[in-house]
């Protein structure tokens, strides 16, 4: 359910007309505990009223998840000389992406190619594709917010135009360890999906030099686990995130 969140169609399950109706909207929030009448129960729990964060949604999860742990990740740093420095045990190779172009036949500029280790973002490395055509740069980077690895369009990491993602909420230290990737639904011929829906894609992501690495025994981003959520809670969580941020 987690990996296929962006593939799932909310039109059939939640019914847009009913969801966006005022009464339907608040009924939906009530079902999953994100809203209570006048915020009284929220106030009782936290001592103040929620302020534009889905009626306490952020606080609800902050009490379970150690987000500060994400900020302490230092797998990747940039030295005074401007060179990227990786922590011991972090795979240091450039990345080769393959097998995507034949499936993403509607994507101008493609996605396959050699991605060179270029810089750091949120304590982890990011990679820039070499020899891209003008205006079709590709960046492979780690998203702290979603705990996945994304390929985006542009010269810098950005969540404004995500073309492919993998390893949702798994927080892998490098993209080599991601097993499942998803492609923008509007990038493949014959797909009936919109650009905000992602479909499974067979992609190969490996070291360009042929080296093979094993995942580290400890991943600081997921050392502290949160509660086990039901399918309904997971769907609700991501629906609210999607409504807040739109297409990534």
Protein backbone atom coordinates (compact mmCIF):
# COMPACT_ATOMS: atom_id res chain seq x y z
CA UNK A 1 0.00 0.00 0.00
CA UNK A 2 2.81 2.36 0.84
CA UNK A 3 4.77 1.87 -2.35
CA UNK A 4 1.71 2.24 -4.54
CA UNK A 5 0.29 5.36 -2.88
CA UNK A 6 0.81 7.55 -5.87
CA UNK A 7 -0.62 4.85 -8.12
CA UNK A 8 -3.84 4.57 -6.16
CA UNK A 9 -6.89 6.37 -7.53
CA UNK A 10 -8.69 8.40 -4.91
CA UNK A 11 -11.49 9.26 -7.31
CA UNK A 12 -13.07 5.84 -6.93
CA UNK A 13 -12.46 5.32 -3.21
CA UNK A 14 -13.11 8.76 -1.78
CA UNK A 15 -15.31 10.30 -4.51
CA UNK A 16 -14.13 13.84 -5.17
CA UNK A 17 -17.62 15.36 -5.17
CA UNK A 18 -18.35 14.04 -1.70
CA UNK A 19 -14.88 14.73 -0.35
CA UNK A 20 -14.84 18.38 -1.30
CA UNK A 21 -18.36 18.98 -0.04
CA UNK A 22 -17.97 20.77 3.29
CA UNK A 23 -19.93 18.21 5.27
CA UNK A 24 -18.21 15.28 3.55
CA UNK A 25 -14.78 16.80 4.19
CA UNK A 26 -15.25 17.08 7.94
CA UNK A 27 -16.91 13.67 8.13
CA UNK A 28 -13.81 12.23 6.49
CA UNK A 29 -11.51 13.92 8.99
CA UNK A 30 -13.67 12.76 11.88
CA UNK A 31 -13.43 9.15 10.66
CA UNK A 32 -9.67 9.15 11.06
CA UNK A 33 -9.37 11.28 14.17
CA UNK A 34 -7.82 14.38 12.62
CA UNK A 35 -10.64 16.73 13.55
CA UNK A 36 -12.93 17.03 16.50
CA UNK A 37 -15.74 19.51 17.17
CA UNK A 38 -14.26 22.94 17.99
CA UNK A 39 -10.86 21.34 18.49
CA UNK A 40 -11.69 20.62 22.13
CA UNK A 41 -10.08 17.20 22.24
CA UNK A 42 -7.06 18.53 20.38
CA UNK A 43 -6.73 21.28 22.97
CA UNK A 44 -7.05 18.75 25.79
CA UNK A 45 -4.27 16.68 24.24
CA UNK A 46 -1.78 19.40 23.31
CA UNK A 47 -2.79 22.46 25.36
CA UNK A 48 -3.39 24.70 22.32
CA UNK A 49 -5.50 24.76 19.19
CA UNK A 50 -4.16 23.50 15.87
CA UNK A 51 -2.90 26.14 13.43
CA UNK A 52 -3.24 25.18 9.76
CA UNK A 53 -1.63 21.75 10.12
CA UNK A 54 -4.61 19.55 9.31
CA UNK A 55 -6.14 20.02 12.73
CA UNK A 56 -3.21 18.59 14.64
CA UNK A 57 -2.09 16.03 12.07
CA UNK A 58 1.56 17.08 12.34
CA UNK A 59 1.52 16.92 16.13
CA UNK A 60 -0.19 13.53 16.02
CA UNK A 61 2.70 12.00 14.13
CA UNK A 62 5.48 14.07 15.69
CA UNK A 63 4.79 12.43 19.04
CA UNK A 64 5.61 9.03 17.52
CA UNK A 65 8.33 9.71 14.96
CA UNK A 66 11.83 10.97 15.66
CA UNK A 67 12.11 13.54 12.86
CA UNK A 68 15.14 15.06 14.57
CA UNK A 69 16.98 11.87 13.64
CA UNK A 70 16.56 12.74 9.97
CA UNK A 71 18.26 16.10 10.50
CA UNK A 72 21.26 14.42 12.12
CA UNK A 73 22.13 12.31 9.05
CA UNK A 74 25.65 13.15 7.90
CA UNK A 75 26.35 10.48 5.30
CA UNK A 76 27.38 13.23 2.90
CA UNK A 77 29.22 16.49 3.55
CA UNK A 78 31.04 19.04 1.39
CA UNK A 79 34.61 19.88 2.42
CA UNK A 80 36.25 23.29 2.41
CA UNK A 81 37.72 22.45 -0.96
CA UNK A 82 34.22 21.96 -2.36
CA UNK A 83 34.64 18.22 -2.76
CA UNK A 84 31.92 15.79 -1.70
CA UNK A 85 32.90 13.62 1.24
CA UNK A 86 30.98 10.46 2.11
CA UNK A 87 30.92 8.74 5.49
CA UNK A 88 32.63 5.38 5.87
CA UNK A 89 30.36 2.63 4.62
CA UNK A 90 28.42 4.86 2.24
CA UNK A 91 28.60 3.61 -1.35
CA UNK A 92 30.75 6.17 -3.16
CA UNK A 93 30.19 5.26 -6.79
CA UNK A 94 28.54 7.19 -9.59
CA UNK A 95 25.15 5.76 -10.56
CA UNK A 96 24.01 4.23 -13.82
CA UNK A 97 20.26 4.27 -14.51
CA UNK A 98 18.92 2.02 -17.26
CA UNK A 99 15.81 0.41 -18.66
CA UNK A 100 13.55 3.43 -18.17
CA UNK A 101 13.69 5.16 -21.56
CA UNK A 102 11.99 2.31 -23.43
CA UNK A 103 9.08 2.58 -21.01
CA UNK A 104 9.04 6.39 -20.58
CA UNK A 105 8.76 6.93 -24.35
CA UNK A 106 6.85 10.20 -23.91
CA UNK A 107 9.56 11.79 -21.74
CA UNK A 108 11.59 14.32 -23.69
CA UNK A 109 15.25 13.91 -22.88
CA UNK A 110 14.81 10.44 -21.39
CA UNK A 111 16.04 9.29 -17.99
CA UNK A 112 18.70 6.63 -18.58
CA UNK A 113 22.35 7.54 -18.28
CA UNK A 114 25.32 8.12 -16.00
CA UNK A 115 24.53 10.10 -12.85
CA UNK A 116 27.66 11.57 -11.30
CA UNK A 117 28.02 12.15 -7.56
CA UNK A 118 27.66 15.93 -7.42
CA UNK A 119 26.68 17.25 -4.01
CA UNK A 120 24.81 16.74 -0.75
CA UNK A 121 21.24 17.38 0.32
CA UNK A 122 19.81 16.65 3.77
CA UNK A 123 22.97 14.76 4.69
CA UNK A 124 22.86 12.40 1.74
CA UNK A 125 24.45 12.48 -1.74
CA UNK A 126 22.73 13.56 -4.92
CA UNK A 127 23.69 12.76 -8.48
CA UNK A 128 23.47 14.73 -11.74
CA UNK A 129 23.08 13.03 -15.12
CA UNK A 130 25.92 13.63 -17.52
CA UNK A 131 25.50 14.69 -21.17
CA UNK A 132 21.86 15.73 -20.81
CA UNK A 133 20.35 17.70 -23.67
CA UNK A 134 19.82 21.42 -23.05
CA UNK A 135 16.94 22.08 -20.69
CA UNK A 136 16.59 18.39 -19.78
CA UNK A 137 18.88 18.02 -16.77
CA UNK A 138 18.16 15.13 -14.41
CA UNK A 139 18.94 14.92 -10.70
CA UNK A 140 18.77 11.76 -8.58
CA UNK A 141 18.33 12.77 -4.94
CA UNK A 142 17.06 11.77 -1.52
CA UNK A 143 13.82 13.31 -0.25
CA UNK A 144 13.79 13.62 3.53
CA UNK A 145 10.07 14.46 3.49
CA UNK A 146 9.03 11.24 1.75
CA UNK A 147 11.99 9.04 2.68
CA UNK A 148 12.53 8.02 -0.93
CA UNK A 149 14.86 8.62 -3.87
CA UNK A 150 13.58 10.82 -6.70
CA UNK A 151 14.61 11.63 -10.25
CA UNK A 152 13.56 15.19 -11.04
CA UNK A 153 13.82 17.51 -14.00
CA UNK A 154 16.18 20.47 -13.59
CA UNK A 155 19.77 21.31 -12.60
CA UNK A 156 19.14 21.10 -8.83
CA UNK A 157 17.13 18.77 -6.55
CA UNK A 158 13.48 19.86 -6.60
CA UNK A 159 10.13 18.34 -5.74
CA UNK A 160 8.32 20.45 -8.34
CA UNK A 161 8.76 17.98 -11.21
CA UNK A 162 9.35 14.42 -10.01
CA UNK A 163 9.65 12.02 -12.95
CA UNK A 164 10.36 8.82 -11.01
CA UNK A 165 10.63 7.79 -7.37
CA UNK A 166 11.53 4.66 -5.41
CA UNK A 167 11.81 3.31 -1.88
CA UNK A 168 8.97 5.38 -0.41
CA UNK A 169 9.52 6.00 3.38
CA UNK A 170 12.37 3.46 3.42
CA UNK A 171 15.11 6.13 3.76
CA UNK A 172 17.82 4.15 1.97
CA UNK A 173 21.25 5.85 2.28
CA UNK A 174 21.85 5.52 -1.46
CA UNK A 175 19.53 4.66 -4.38
CA UNK A 176 21.35 1.37 -5.03
CA UNK A 177 19.27 -0.34 -2.36
CA UNK A 178 15.86 0.70 -3.71
CA UNK A 179 14.02 -2.31 -5.12
CA UNK A 180 10.82 -0.77 -6.47
CA UNK A 181 10.55 2.31 -8.71
CA UNK A 182 7.55 4.24 -9.99
CA UNK A 183 7.25 6.40 -13.10
CA UNK A 184 5.01 9.39 -13.81
CA UNK A 185 1.84 7.99 -15.36
CA UNK A 186 1.82 10.54 -18.20
CA UNK A 187 5.28 9.53 -19.45
CA UNK A 188 4.36 6.16 -20.96
CA UNK A 189 2.36 5.49 -24.13
CA UNK A 190 -0.90 3.70 -23.50
CA UNK A 191 -1.10 4.77 -19.88
CA UNK A 192 -4.39 6.33 -18.85
CA UNK A 193 -2.90 7.85 -15.70
CA UNK A 194 -2.47 11.58 -15.11
CA UNK A 195 0.80 13.31 -14.29
CA UNK A 196 0.09 13.13 -10.55
CA UNK A 197 -0.24 9.32 -10.55
CA UNK A 198 2.79 7.02 -10.66
CA UNK A 199 3.01 3.50 -12.07
CA UNK A 200 5.52 0.69 -11.40
CA UNK A 201 8.50 0.70 -13.76
CA UNK A 202 11.32 -1.80 -14.27
CA UNK A 203 14.45 0.28 -13.70
CA UNK A 204 18.04 -0.74 -13.06
CA UNK A 205 20.01 1.48 -10.70
CA UNK A 206 23.56 0.35 -10.03
CA UNK A 207 27.16 1.50 -9.61
CA UNK A 208 28.62 2.71 -12.89
CA UNK A 209 31.92 1.00 -12.10
CA UNK A 210 30.24 -2.35 -11.48
CA UNK A 211 30.92 -2.48 -7.73
CA UNK A 212 28.27 -4.08 -5.55
CA UNK A 213 27.51 -2.78 -2.07
CA UNK A 214 25.39 -4.16 0.75
CA UNK A 215 22.98 -2.01 2.79
CA UNK A 216 24.54 -0.79 6.06
CA UNK A 217 23.51 -2.65 9.22
CA UNK A 218 22.24 0.60 10.79
CA UNK A 219 20.23 3.32 9.08
CA UNK A 220 20.02 6.40 11.37
CA UNK A 221 16.89 7.66 9.61
CA UNK A 222 14.82 4.66 10.69
CA UNK A 223 16.41 3.59 13.98
CA UNK A 224 13.37 4.80 15.87
CA UNK A 225 10.20 3.25 14.57
CA UNK A 226 6.74 4.74 14.85
CA UNK A 227 3.44 2.96 15.41
CA UNK A 228 2.12 0.37 13.00
CA UNK A 229 -0.64 2.09 11.04
CA UNK A 230 -3.69 0.51 9.48
CA UNK A 231 -4.24 0.71 5.72
CA UNK A 232 -6.93 3.34 6.31
CA UNK A 233 -4.59 5.48 8.43
CA UNK A 234 -1.87 5.25 5.80
CA UNK A 235 -4.27 6.26 3.01
CA UNK A 236 -5.53 9.14 5.14
CA UNK A 237 -2.02 10.32 5.94
CA UNK A 238 -0.92 10.46 2.32
CA UNK A 239 -4.17 11.96 1.10
CA UNK A 240 -3.67 14.90 3.44
CA UNK A 241 -0.03 15.30 2.39
CA UNK A 242 -1.07 15.23 -1.26
CA UNK A 243 -3.72 17.86 -0.74
CA UNK A 244 -1.20 20.10 1.05
CA UNK A 245 1.69 19.85 -1.40
CA UNK A 246 0.02 18.88 -4.70
CA UNK A 247 2.15 17.14 -7.29
CA UNK A 248 5.68 16.72 -5.97
